[in-house]
N, C-alpha and C. Protein backbone atom coordinates (compact mmCIF):
# COMPACT_ATOMS: atom_id res chain seq x y z
N MET A 1 111.44 111.95 80.38
CA MET A 1 110.20 112.02 81.06
C MET A 1 109.95 113.67 81.47
N LYS A 2 108.82 114.05 81.80
CA LYS A 2 108.25 115.67 82.01
C LYS A 2 107.97 115.30 83.61
N ILE A 3 108.31 115.96 84.43
CA ILE A 3 108.16 116.04 86.02
C ILE A 3 107.65 117.31 86.39
N ILE A 4 106.81 117.59 87.37
CA ILE A 4 106.29 118.44 87.79
C ILE A 4 107.02 118.33 89.28
N LEU A 5 107.25 119.34 89.94
CA LEU A 5 108.24 118.97 91.22
C LEU A 5 107.78 120.25 92.08
N THR A 6 107.09 119.81 93.32
CA THR A 6 106.79 121.14 94.38
C THR A 6 108.21 120.77 95.68
N GLY A 7 108.19 122.18 96.39
CA GLY A 7 108.98 122.02 97.36
C GLY A 7 110.66 122.53 96.95
N THR A 8 110.86 122.90 96.18
CA THR A 8 112.14 123.07 95.42
C THR A 8 113.11 124.32 96.23
N THR A 9 112.37 124.93 97.14
CA THR A 9 112.87 125.75 97.95
C THR A 9 113.05 125.30 99.44
N GLY A 10 112.81 123.98 99.62
CA GLY A 10 112.97 123.17 100.62
C GLY A 10 114.07 122.25 100.46
N MET A 11 114.52 121.75 101.76
CA MET A 11 115.82 120.52 101.34
C MET A 11 115.55 119.07 100.23
N VAL A 12 114.30 118.93 100.85
CA VAL A 12 114.05 117.65 99.97
C VAL A 12 114.17 117.98 98.47
N GLY A 13 112.83 119.02 98.27
CA GLY A 13 112.69 119.23 96.93
C GLY A 13 113.59 119.65 96.21
N GLU A 14 114.90 120.50 96.79
CA GLU A 14 116.19 120.93 96.03
C GLU A 14 116.89 119.72 95.76
N GLY A 15 116.79 118.88 96.61
CA GLY A 15 117.81 117.67 96.40
C GLY A 15 117.35 116.82 95.20
N VAL A 16 115.91 116.75 95.06
CA VAL A 16 115.32 115.88 94.03
C VAL A 16 115.55 116.99 92.78
N LEU A 17 115.40 118.14 92.93
CA LEU A 17 115.65 119.01 91.64
C LEU A 17 117.14 118.58 91.35
N LEU A 18 118.20 119.03 91.96
CA LEU A 18 119.21 118.98 91.35
C LEU A 18 119.59 117.50 90.44
N GLU A 19 118.92 116.64 91.11
CA GLU A 19 119.14 115.10 90.41
C GLU A 19 118.48 114.97 89.01
N CYS A 20 117.15 115.82 88.91
CA CYS A 20 116.37 115.46 87.94
C CYS A 20 116.87 116.38 86.98
N LEU A 21 117.58 117.56 87.06
CA LEU A 21 118.46 118.62 86.02
C LEU A 21 119.55 117.79 85.33
N ALA A 22 120.30 117.03 86.58
CA ALA A 22 121.30 116.43 85.86
C ALA A 22 120.98 114.75 85.16
N ASN A 23 119.82 114.69 85.56
CA ASN A 23 119.59 113.00 85.00
C ASN A 23 119.03 113.21 83.52
N PRO A 24 119.73 112.36 82.49
CA PRO A 24 119.52 112.34 81.03
C PRO A 24 117.93 111.81 80.85
N LEU A 25 117.21 111.02 82.02
CA LEU A 25 116.25 110.53 81.43
C LEU A 25 114.97 111.62 81.68
N VAL A 26 115.13 112.54 82.32
CA VAL A 26 114.58 113.72 82.62
C VAL A 26 114.63 115.08 81.52
N THR A 27 113.56 115.26 80.91
CA THR A 27 113.70 116.27 80.00
C THR A 27 113.24 117.65 80.36
N ASP A 28 112.13 117.54 81.02
CA ASP A 28 111.42 118.94 81.53
C ASP A 28 111.11 118.92 83.03
N VAL A 29 111.14 119.92 83.64
CA VAL A 29 110.62 119.98 85.28
C VAL A 29 110.17 121.08 85.42
N LEU A 30 108.90 121.16 85.91
CA LEU A 30 108.34 122.33 86.37
C LEU A 30 108.10 122.48 87.62
N SER A 31 108.84 123.30 88.12
CA SER A 31 108.79 123.74 89.34
C SER A 31 107.84 124.54 89.72
N VAL A 32 106.88 124.29 90.88
CA VAL A 32 105.62 124.72 91.41
C VAL A 32 106.05 125.04 92.78
N SER A 33 106.12 126.95 93.07
CA SER A 33 106.56 127.15 94.41
C SER A 33 105.84 128.21 94.89
N ARG A 34 105.98 128.65 96.01
CA ARG A 34 105.62 129.89 96.54
C ARG A 34 106.57 131.27 95.88
N ARG A 35 107.89 130.83 95.70
CA ARG A 35 108.72 131.57 95.58
C ARG A 35 109.87 131.01 94.44
N PRO A 36 110.69 131.79 93.73
CA PRO A 36 111.84 131.23 92.87
C PRO A 36 112.77 130.40 93.49
N CYS A 37 113.16 129.02 93.00
CA CYS A 37 114.01 128.27 93.58
C CYS A 37 115.36 129.02 93.77
N GLY A 38 115.80 129.81 92.80
CA GLY A 38 117.12 130.39 92.71
C GLY A 38 118.13 129.55 91.65
N ARG A 39 117.30 129.01 90.64
CA ARG A 39 118.22 128.12 89.89
C ARG A 39 118.06 128.37 88.44
N THR A 40 118.65 128.28 87.51
CA THR A 40 117.96 128.28 86.18
C THR A 40 118.96 127.35 85.45
N HIS A 41 118.19 126.46 84.64
CA HIS A 41 118.37 125.65 83.72
C HIS A 41 117.65 125.57 82.58
N ALA A 42 118.14 124.84 81.38
CA ALA A 42 117.21 124.78 80.16
C ALA A 42 116.42 123.83 80.43
N LYS A 43 116.45 122.63 81.07
CA LYS A 43 115.07 121.65 81.68
C LYS A 43 114.15 122.68 82.42
N LEU A 44 114.46 123.40 83.31
CA LEU A 44 113.57 124.15 84.13
C LEU A 44 112.67 125.20 83.89
N LYS A 45 111.41 125.13 84.23
CA LYS A 45 110.23 125.94 84.11
C LYS A 45 109.98 126.50 85.42
N GLU A 46 109.60 127.54 85.76
CA GLU A 46 109.01 127.68 87.12
C GLU A 46 107.76 128.22 87.17
N PHE A 47 106.66 128.03 88.03
CA PHE A 47 105.33 128.37 87.86
C PHE A 47 105.26 128.81 89.57
N ILE A 48 105.03 129.88 89.68
CA ILE A 48 104.92 130.30 91.14
C ILE A 48 103.54 130.98 91.48
N VAL A 49 103.15 130.03 92.61
CA VAL A 49 101.72 130.04 93.00
C VAL A 49 101.84 130.57 94.71
N SER A 50 101.02 131.75 94.94
CA SER A 50 101.08 131.96 96.25
C SER A 50 100.21 131.16 97.53
N ASP A 51 99.03 130.21 96.61
CA ASP A 51 98.37 129.38 97.68
C ASP A 51 98.12 128.04 96.61
N PHE A 52 98.65 127.16 97.15
CA PHE A 52 98.25 125.77 96.07
C PHE A 52 96.87 125.73 96.11
N LEU A 53 96.07 125.96 97.49
CA LEU A 53 94.35 125.71 97.40
C LEU A 53 93.45 126.67 96.63
N LYS A 54 94.30 127.68 95.77
CA LYS A 54 93.73 128.49 94.48
C LYS A 54 93.79 127.96 93.23
N LEU A 55 94.41 126.91 93.01
CA LEU A 55 94.83 126.15 92.12
C LEU A 55 93.49 125.59 91.37
N LYS A 56 93.28 125.78 90.29
CA LYS A 56 92.27 125.36 89.36
C LYS A 56 92.24 124.19 88.52
N PRO A 57 91.25 123.11 88.36
CA PRO A 57 91.41 121.86 87.71
C PRO A 57 91.74 122.21 86.31
N ASP A 58 91.51 123.18 85.98
CA ASP A 58 91.63 123.52 84.35
C ASP A 58 92.60 124.17 84.22
N ASP A 59 93.82 123.96 85.31
CA ASP A 59 94.97 124.90 84.71
C ASP A 59 95.89 124.09 83.86
N ALA A 60 96.36 124.94 82.86
CA ALA A 60 97.05 123.92 81.55
C ALA A 60 98.60 123.88 81.98
N HIS A 61 99.00 124.54 82.90
CA HIS A 61 100.35 124.42 83.41
C HIS A 61 100.61 123.14 83.65
N PHE A 62 99.69 122.34 84.09
CA PHE A 62 99.97 121.04 84.38
C PHE A 62 99.58 119.85 83.40
N LYS A 63 99.13 120.06 82.50
CA LYS A 63 99.10 119.58 81.31
C LYS A 63 100.16 118.66 80.75
N GLY A 64 100.27 117.52 80.49
CA GLY A 64 100.91 116.41 79.70
C GLY A 64 102.27 116.24 80.76
N TYR A 65 102.02 115.92 81.78
CA TYR A 65 103.00 115.59 82.40
C TYR A 65 103.41 113.88 82.81
N ASP A 66 104.52 113.29 82.70
CA ASP A 66 104.39 111.89 83.13
C ASP A 66 104.52 111.60 84.74
N ALA A 67 104.99 112.61 85.64
CA ALA A 67 104.81 112.58 87.11
C ALA A 67 104.91 113.60 87.89
N CYS A 68 104.83 113.75 88.78
CA CYS A 68 104.40 114.49 89.98
C CYS A 68 105.37 114.27 91.20
N PHE A 69 106.30 114.72 91.59
CA PHE A 69 107.16 114.56 92.60
C PHE A 69 106.70 115.63 93.67
N PHE A 70 105.89 115.23 94.79
CA PHE A 70 105.23 116.34 95.86
C PHE A 70 106.45 116.36 96.97
N CYS A 71 107.22 117.24 97.05
CA CYS A 71 108.11 117.29 98.24
C CYS A 71 108.32 118.14 98.77
N ALA A 72 107.11 118.97 98.80
CA ALA A 72 106.67 120.27 99.53
C ALA A 72 106.09 119.82 100.98
N GLY A 73 106.51 120.48 102.10
CA GLY A 73 105.88 120.15 103.52
C GLY A 73 106.73 120.90 104.76
N ILE A 74 106.07 120.68 105.51
CA ILE A 74 106.33 121.54 106.95
C ILE A 74 106.43 120.83 107.93
N SER A 75 107.54 121.20 108.99
CA SER A 75 107.35 120.28 110.37
C SER A 75 105.91 120.85 110.99
N SER A 76 105.47 119.90 111.83
CA SER A 76 104.26 120.15 112.60
C SER A 76 104.39 120.79 114.32
N VAL A 77 105.53 121.18 114.44
CA VAL A 77 106.17 121.49 115.59
C VAL A 77 105.41 123.03 115.88
N GLY A 78 104.60 123.02 116.83
CA GLY A 78 104.22 124.46 117.23
C GLY A 78 102.89 124.78 116.33
N LEU A 79 102.51 123.88 115.71
CA LEU A 79 101.02 123.81 114.72
C LEU A 79 99.89 123.03 115.62
N LYS A 80 98.83 123.39 115.49
CA LYS A 80 97.75 122.78 116.11
C LYS A 80 97.34 121.79 114.94
N GLU A 81 96.60 121.00 115.10
CA GLU A 81 96.12 119.75 114.28
C GLU A 81 95.61 120.43 112.91
N ALA A 82 94.48 121.23 113.04
CA ALA A 82 93.65 121.75 112.22
C ALA A 82 94.54 122.75 111.20
N ASP A 83 95.27 123.46 111.82
CA ASP A 83 96.61 123.96 110.70
C ASP A 83 97.15 123.19 110.26
N TYR A 84 97.94 122.09 110.76
CA TYR A 84 98.63 120.90 109.93
C TYR A 84 98.00 120.37 108.88
N THR A 85 96.68 119.86 109.49
CA THR A 85 96.23 119.28 108.74
C THR A 85 95.47 120.04 107.09
N ARG A 86 95.30 121.26 107.40
CA ARG A 86 95.04 122.21 106.15
C ARG A 86 96.34 122.35 105.29
N ILE A 87 97.65 122.61 106.01
CA ILE A 87 98.74 122.80 105.10
C ILE A 87 99.20 121.21 104.32
N THR A 88 99.34 120.34 105.16
CA THR A 88 99.72 119.20 104.71
C THR A 88 98.50 118.26 104.08
N PHE A 89 97.37 118.02 104.59
CA PHE A 89 96.55 117.29 104.00
C PHE A 89 95.66 117.95 102.91
N ASP A 90 94.90 119.06 103.13
CA ASP A 90 94.13 119.76 102.29
C ASP A 90 94.91 120.29 100.86
N THR A 91 96.27 120.86 101.10
CA THR A 91 97.02 121.54 100.17
C THR A 91 97.35 120.17 99.15
N THR A 92 98.01 119.28 99.80
CA THR A 92 98.57 118.01 98.61
C THR A 92 97.29 117.37 97.92
N VAL A 93 96.16 117.26 98.84
CA VAL A 93 95.23 116.52 97.97
C VAL A 93 94.62 117.36 96.86
N HIS A 94 94.43 118.64 97.23
CA HIS A 94 93.89 119.79 96.34
C HIS A 94 94.79 119.76 95.18
N PHE A 95 96.59 119.79 95.72
CA PHE A 95 97.36 119.82 94.47
C PHE A 95 97.26 118.53 93.21
N ALA A 96 97.15 117.50 94.07
CA ALA A 96 97.12 116.23 93.26
C ALA A 96 95.75 115.97 92.39
N ASN A 97 94.53 116.74 92.83
CA ASN A 97 93.41 116.71 92.26
C ASN A 97 93.47 117.61 90.83
N VAL A 98 94.74 118.52 91.14
CA VAL A 98 94.61 119.55 90.06
C VAL A 98 95.44 118.81 88.77
N VAL A 99 96.27 118.23 89.10
CA VAL A 99 97.34 117.72 88.11
C VAL A 99 96.56 116.12 88.03
N LEU A 100 96.09 115.45 88.41
CA LEU A 100 95.06 114.40 87.86
C LEU A 100 94.10 114.71 87.20
N ALA A 101 93.52 116.23 87.02
CA ALA A 101 92.99 116.51 85.87
C ALA A 101 93.16 117.06 84.76
N GLN A 102 94.54 117.54 84.90
CA GLN A 102 95.28 117.86 83.57
C GLN A 102 96.41 116.62 82.92
N SER A 103 96.59 115.62 83.96
CA SER A 103 97.67 114.81 83.42
C SER A 103 97.26 113.50 84.33
N PRO A 104 96.32 112.66 83.61
CA PRO A 104 95.46 111.63 84.55
C PRO A 104 96.35 110.61 84.34
N ALA A 105 97.48 110.14 83.40
CA ALA A 105 98.31 109.19 83.16
C ALA A 105 99.66 109.30 83.95
N ALA A 106 99.57 110.40 84.85
CA ALA A 106 101.09 110.77 85.74
C ALA A 106 101.08 109.84 86.97
N VAL A 107 102.04 109.57 87.32
CA VAL A 107 102.81 108.77 88.49
C VAL A 107 102.74 109.74 89.45
N PHE A 108 101.99 109.95 90.79
CA PHE A 108 102.09 110.41 91.81
C PHE A 108 103.28 110.05 92.96
N THR A 109 104.13 111.05 93.31
CA THR A 109 105.00 110.39 94.34
C THR A 109 104.90 111.37 95.40
N TYR A 110 104.22 111.01 96.61
CA TYR A 110 104.50 111.93 97.73
C TYR A 110 105.60 111.51 98.82
N VAL A 111 106.04 112.56 99.15
CA VAL A 111 107.25 112.47 100.25
C VAL A 111 106.38 112.59 101.80
N SER A 112 106.58 111.53 102.70
CA SER A 112 105.88 111.78 104.14
C SER A 112 106.95 111.49 104.85
N GLY A 113 107.26 110.38 105.20
CA GLY A 113 108.60 110.01 105.82
C GLY A 113 108.25 109.05 106.80
N ALA A 114 109.23 108.48 107.47
CA ALA A 114 109.35 107.13 108.34
C ALA A 114 108.32 107.53 109.29
N GLY A 115 107.83 106.57 109.95
CA GLY A 115 106.54 106.76 111.10
C GLY A 115 105.43 107.25 110.97
N THR A 116 105.35 107.51 109.23
CA THR A 116 104.07 107.56 109.40
C THR A 116 102.89 106.95 109.59
N ASP A 117 101.89 107.16 109.88
CA ASP A 117 100.83 106.09 110.50
C ASP A 117 99.55 105.79 109.66
N SER A 118 99.55 104.63 109.35
CA SER A 118 98.93 104.33 107.91
C SER A 118 97.21 104.12 108.84
N THR A 119 97.18 103.93 109.86
CA THR A 119 96.08 103.46 110.40
C THR A 119 95.12 104.74 110.81
N GLU A 120 95.83 106.17 110.77
CA GLU A 120 95.07 107.34 111.29
C GLU A 120 94.60 107.42 112.46
N LYS A 121 95.28 106.59 113.33
CA LYS A 121 94.63 106.61 114.82
C LYS A 121 95.68 106.69 115.98
N GLY A 122 96.91 106.82 115.51
CA GLY A 122 97.79 106.82 116.65
C GLY A 122 98.14 108.12 117.55
N ARG A 123 98.94 107.91 118.30
CA ARG A 123 98.87 109.25 119.27
C ARG A 123 99.70 110.36 118.52
N SER A 124 100.67 110.21 117.80
CA SER A 124 101.12 111.35 117.23
C SER A 124 100.31 111.88 116.18
N MET A 125 100.40 113.35 116.37
CA MET A 125 99.52 113.90 115.35
C MET A 125 99.94 114.26 113.90
N TRP A 126 101.11 114.38 113.66
CA TRP A 126 101.64 114.51 112.24
C TRP A 126 101.42 113.20 111.61
N ALA A 127 101.79 112.00 112.36
CA ALA A 127 102.06 110.73 111.76
C ALA A 127 100.23 110.44 111.28
N ARG A 128 99.52 110.60 112.04
CA ARG A 128 98.06 110.55 111.71
C ARG A 128 97.61 111.24 110.27
N VAL A 129 98.07 112.35 110.44
CA VAL A 129 97.77 113.50 109.33
C VAL A 129 98.40 112.79 107.90
N LYS A 130 99.78 112.55 107.93
CA LYS A 130 100.65 111.83 107.00
C LYS A 130 99.85 110.79 106.47
N GLY A 131 99.34 109.92 107.49
CA GLY A 131 98.71 108.50 107.04
C GLY A 131 97.59 108.99 106.47
N LYS A 132 96.62 109.77 107.07
CA LYS A 132 95.49 110.00 106.24
C LYS A 132 95.89 110.84 104.68
N THR A 133 96.95 111.33 104.62
CA THR A 133 97.45 112.05 103.14
C THR A 133 97.69 110.97 102.33
N GLU A 134 98.56 109.95 102.73
CA GLU A 134 99.26 108.70 101.89
C GLU A 134 97.78 108.21 101.60
N ASN A 135 96.86 107.81 102.56
CA ASN A 135 95.67 106.78 102.17
C ASN A 135 94.93 107.53 101.20
N THR A 136 94.35 108.78 101.45
CA THR A 136 93.75 109.47 100.28
C THR A 136 94.35 109.44 98.88
N LEU A 137 95.71 110.10 98.63
CA LEU A 137 96.25 109.82 97.24
C LEU A 137 95.99 108.38 96.88
N ALA A 138 96.44 107.46 98.02
CA ALA A 138 96.64 106.25 96.96
C ALA A 138 95.24 105.72 96.75
N SER A 139 94.28 106.19 96.85
CA SER A 139 92.83 105.91 96.36
C SER A 139 92.19 106.71 94.98
N MET A 140 93.51 107.51 94.55
CA MET A 140 93.41 108.21 93.28
C MET A 140 93.54 107.81 92.13
N PRO A 141 92.77 108.01 91.21
CA PRO A 141 93.32 107.13 89.96
C PRO A 141 94.43 107.76 89.12
N PHE A 142 95.39 108.02 89.57
CA PHE A 142 96.64 108.11 88.95
C PHE A 142 97.02 106.84 88.14
N ARG A 143 98.01 106.75 87.40
CA ARG A 143 98.43 105.64 86.80
C ARG A 143 99.24 104.57 87.91
N ARG A 144 99.84 105.40 88.82
CA ARG A 144 100.31 104.67 89.99
C ARG A 144 100.63 105.88 91.11
N VAL A 145 100.39 105.46 92.17
CA VAL A 145 100.67 106.49 93.11
C VAL A 145 101.97 105.94 94.45
N TYR A 146 102.95 106.39 94.78
CA TYR A 146 103.99 105.90 95.59
C TYR A 146 104.08 106.57 96.85
N ASN A 147 104.33 106.28 97.90
CA ASN A 147 104.20 107.24 99.16
C ASN A 147 105.60 106.73 99.66
N PHE A 148 106.47 107.90 99.58
CA PHE A 148 107.89 107.53 100.10
C PHE A 148 108.02 108.19 101.69
N ARG A 149 108.54 106.93 102.47
CA ARG A 149 109.08 107.40 103.44
C ARG A 149 110.58 107.06 104.04
N PRO A 150 111.40 108.54 103.65
CA PRO A 150 112.70 108.43 104.16
C PRO A 150 112.91 108.70 105.34
N ALA A 151 114.21 108.69 106.15
CA ALA A 151 114.46 108.89 107.39
C ALA A 151 115.33 110.00 107.33
N PHE A 152 116.54 109.75 107.83
CA PHE A 152 117.80 110.87 107.47
C PHE A 152 118.56 110.92 106.22
N MET A 153 118.28 112.17 105.88
CA MET A 153 118.70 112.14 104.26
C MET A 153 120.04 112.82 104.20
N LYS A 154 121.06 112.89 103.63
CA LYS A 154 122.29 113.47 103.37
C LYS A 154 121.98 114.43 102.14
N ALA A 155 122.33 115.68 102.39
CA ALA A 155 121.76 116.50 101.19
C ALA A 155 122.98 116.39 100.21
N THR A 156 122.78 116.64 99.05
CA THR A 156 123.54 116.77 97.86
C THR A 156 124.73 117.83 97.86
N GLU A 157 125.61 117.63 96.94
CA GLU A 157 126.71 118.93 97.19
C GLU A 157 125.92 119.95 96.36
N GLY A 158 126.10 121.14 96.93
CA GLY A 158 125.66 122.36 96.37
C GLY A 158 124.60 123.00 96.37
N GLN A 159 123.44 122.37 97.57
CA GLN A 159 122.55 122.42 97.85
C GLN A 159 122.54 123.63 98.86
N VAL A 160 121.55 124.89 98.97
CA VAL A 160 121.67 126.05 99.51
C VAL A 160 120.22 125.95 100.74
N HIS A 161 119.35 125.45 100.29
CA HIS A 161 118.26 125.22 101.18
C HIS A 161 117.96 124.00 102.04
N LEU A 162 118.79 124.22 102.95
CA LEU A 162 119.03 122.99 104.05
C LEU A 162 118.48 123.58 105.39
N LEU A 163 117.76 122.55 105.97
CA LEU A 163 117.16 122.86 107.20
C LEU A 163 118.20 123.30 108.03
N PRO A 164 117.69 124.27 109.08
CA PRO A 164 118.60 124.73 110.08
C PRO A 164 119.15 123.62 110.90
N LEU A 165 118.58 122.46 111.13
CA LEU A 165 118.94 121.69 112.28
C LEU A 165 120.31 120.70 111.42
N TYR A 166 119.64 120.68 109.96
CA TYR A 166 120.80 119.82 109.14
C TYR A 166 122.50 120.22 109.77
N LYS A 167 122.56 121.57 109.89
CA LYS A 167 123.96 121.95 109.42
C LYS A 167 124.52 121.59 110.99
N TYR A 168 123.85 121.05 111.99
CA TYR A 168 124.63 120.72 113.10
C TYR A 168 124.43 119.22 113.15
N ILE A 169 123.65 118.42 112.45
CA ILE A 169 123.84 117.37 112.80
C ILE A 169 124.29 116.20 111.47
N SER A 170 124.37 117.08 110.23
CA SER A 170 124.89 116.39 108.97
C SER A 170 126.25 114.91 109.23
N TRP A 171 126.95 115.84 110.45
CA TRP A 171 128.42 114.94 110.43
C TRP A 171 128.00 113.61 111.16
N MET A 172 126.43 113.03 111.34
CA MET A 172 126.29 111.92 111.93
C MET A 172 125.79 110.63 110.74
N TYR A 173 125.93 111.55 109.61
CA TYR A 173 125.35 110.24 108.46
C TYR A 173 126.08 109.32 108.46
N PRO A 174 127.42 109.49 108.57
CA PRO A 174 128.56 108.22 108.25
C PRO A 174 128.50 107.14 109.54
N LEU A 175 127.87 107.86 110.64
CA LEU A 175 128.10 107.04 111.65
C LEU A 175 126.72 106.35 111.75
N LEU A 176 125.69 106.86 111.35
CA LEU A 176 124.09 106.57 111.53
C LEU A 176 123.89 105.71 110.43
N LYS A 177 124.94 105.57 109.02
CA LYS A 177 124.90 104.86 107.84
C LYS A 177 125.35 103.32 108.36
N ALA A 178 126.26 103.45 109.15
CA ALA A 178 127.25 102.17 109.88
C ALA A 178 126.47 101.63 110.89
N ILE A 179 125.56 102.43 111.70
CA ILE A 179 124.83 101.57 112.72
C ILE A 179 123.55 101.21 112.49
N ILE A 180 122.81 102.13 111.57
CA ILE A 180 121.54 102.01 110.83
C ILE A 180 121.40 102.09 109.86
N PRO A 181 121.90 101.30 108.40
CA PRO A 181 121.65 101.60 107.41
C PRO A 181 120.34 101.74 106.94
N SER A 182 119.61 101.32 107.57
CA SER A 182 118.06 101.16 106.94
C SER A 182 117.29 102.35 107.41
N GLY A 183 117.94 103.21 108.10
CA GLY A 183 117.53 104.36 108.45
C GLY A 183 118.13 105.66 107.98
N VAL A 184 119.08 105.49 106.76
CA VAL A 184 119.54 106.78 106.35
C VAL A 184 119.84 106.58 104.60
N SER A 185 119.63 107.67 103.89
CA SER A 185 120.02 107.70 102.57
C SER A 185 120.25 108.79 102.14
N THR A 186 121.02 109.10 100.81
CA THR A 186 121.15 110.50 100.41
C THR A 186 119.93 110.83 99.61
N LEU A 187 119.89 112.17 99.28
CA LEU A 187 118.75 112.63 98.76
C LEU A 187 118.88 112.30 97.11
N GLN A 188 120.34 111.99 96.77
CA GLN A 188 120.42 111.57 95.37
C GLN A 188 119.76 110.34 95.35
N GLU A 189 119.83 109.34 96.13
CA GLU A 189 119.21 108.01 96.12
C GLU A 189 117.71 108.46 96.18
N VAL A 190 117.05 109.05 96.75
CA VAL A 190 115.71 109.41 97.04
C VAL A 190 115.41 109.93 95.49
N ALA A 191 115.91 110.89 94.99
CA ALA A 191 115.42 111.23 93.57
C ALA A 191 115.71 110.13 92.66
N LEU A 192 116.73 109.32 92.43
CA LEU A 192 116.73 108.57 91.65
C LEU A 192 115.98 107.11 91.79
N ALA A 193 115.44 106.91 93.21
CA ALA A 193 114.35 105.79 93.07
C ALA A 193 112.94 106.41 92.48
N MET A 194 112.48 107.64 92.69
CA MET A 194 111.47 108.35 92.06
C MET A 194 111.60 108.52 90.63
N ILE A 195 112.45 108.81 90.06
CA ILE A 195 112.84 108.79 88.61
C ILE A 195 112.44 107.40 87.88
N GLN A 196 113.16 106.18 88.92
CA GLN A 196 112.79 104.92 88.21
C GLN A 196 111.44 104.28 88.44
N LEU A 197 110.75 105.03 89.24
CA LEU A 197 109.32 104.56 89.63
C LEU A 197 108.47 105.05 88.42
N VAL A 198 108.95 106.08 87.61
CA VAL A 198 107.93 106.80 86.78
C VAL A 198 107.62 105.71 85.27
N ASP A 199 108.47 104.96 85.03
CA ASP A 199 108.48 103.82 84.14
C ASP A 199 108.49 102.74 84.68
N ARG A 200 108.16 102.40 85.94
CA ARG A 200 108.96 100.86 86.30
C ARG A 200 107.23 100.61 87.38
N ASP A 201 106.81 99.61 86.90
CA ASP A 201 105.85 99.02 88.22
C ASP A 201 106.55 98.53 89.42
N PHE A 202 106.21 98.51 90.39
CA PHE A 202 106.65 98.33 91.88
C PHE A 202 105.88 97.80 92.43
N PRO A 203 106.08 96.64 93.31
CA PRO A 203 105.29 95.94 93.93
C PRO A 203 104.62 96.38 95.25
N LYS A 204 105.34 97.34 95.95
CA LYS A 204 104.92 98.02 96.97
C LYS A 204 104.49 99.66 96.78
N THR A 205 103.59 100.23 97.47
CA THR A 205 103.08 101.63 97.15
C THR A 205 103.76 102.46 98.11
N ILE A 206 104.25 101.67 99.50
CA ILE A 206 104.93 102.38 100.25
C ILE A 206 106.42 102.31 100.38
N ILE A 207 106.95 103.12 100.06
CA ILE A 207 108.72 103.24 99.95
C ILE A 207 109.52 103.29 101.11
N THR A 208 110.01 102.25 101.61
CA THR A 208 110.83 102.58 102.67
C THR A 208 112.58 103.26 102.36
N VAL A 209 113.25 103.33 103.49
CA VAL A 209 114.52 103.58 103.11
C VAL A 209 115.32 102.67 102.21
N LYS A 210 114.87 101.31 102.35
CA LYS A 210 115.59 99.91 101.94
C LYS A 210 115.05 99.93 100.54
N ASP A 211 113.72 100.06 100.30
CA ASP A 211 113.35 100.28 98.90
C ASP A 211 114.10 101.41 98.14
N ILE A 212 114.23 102.58 98.74
CA ILE A 212 115.00 103.69 97.96
C ILE A 212 116.11 103.31 97.46
N LYS A 213 117.26 102.45 98.68
CA LYS A 213 118.29 102.39 98.00
C LYS A 213 118.43 101.42 96.95
N GLU A 214 117.34 100.22 97.16
CA GLU A 214 117.66 99.25 96.25
C GLU A 214 117.42 99.77 94.69
N LEU A 215 116.14 100.51 94.77
CA LEU A 215 115.63 101.48 93.22
C LEU A 215 116.97 102.37 92.84
N ALA A 216 117.41 103.07 93.81
CA ALA A 216 118.54 103.97 93.34
C ALA A 216 119.63 103.26 92.75
N LYS A 217 119.94 101.87 93.12
CA LYS A 217 121.10 101.30 92.93
C LYS A 217 120.68 100.58 91.43
N SER A 218 119.64 100.46 91.24
CA SER A 218 119.37 99.67 89.78
C SER A 218 119.16 100.56 88.83
N ALA A 219 119.23 102.24 89.25
CA ALA A 219 119.01 103.20 88.34
C ALA A 219 120.16 102.99 87.33
């Protein structure tokens, strides 16, 4: 399968990239990012884009792919709602429309997060914006759309693009796994679940941590 992947210079995207490069089901990976991911591999091609919103629907870079794993994203801390909406909603939906124009039979997978607000009416700004993004993507005529809602994720060995906070809280993974197993997963499990859903129908479009683990286990 041929995969478009965003966010490879971030923790989630890099973890998904490592599994895609190692997984025999994946033959090609197009990393679309604002800067190089720092890795080379026979499967990997990079398309450096300064602003995703400037991408055009006729861009042939996106032609002929089986899936898009949209793992790019930022924290809402310190951002006003308008700015966070532009980066999270506008950018994601515009990118999805470009992929749809060139690869209409693709599966589109979006990483939002646990706590996302599907009603778009809650008090949490980030959760409302993520919910609006999920809902808009779900209405687009891809072959299928899945919205992933992971929670605490354990990085894959060899990752370098880690969140600063992760370095201080990574030790908590075994404890959280024992106490609230439905709230933690590994990034490898997230990636395996994404890969499984490219060629497999699943009864749910919102993928929880429990779903991630079940899909990864069946890989």
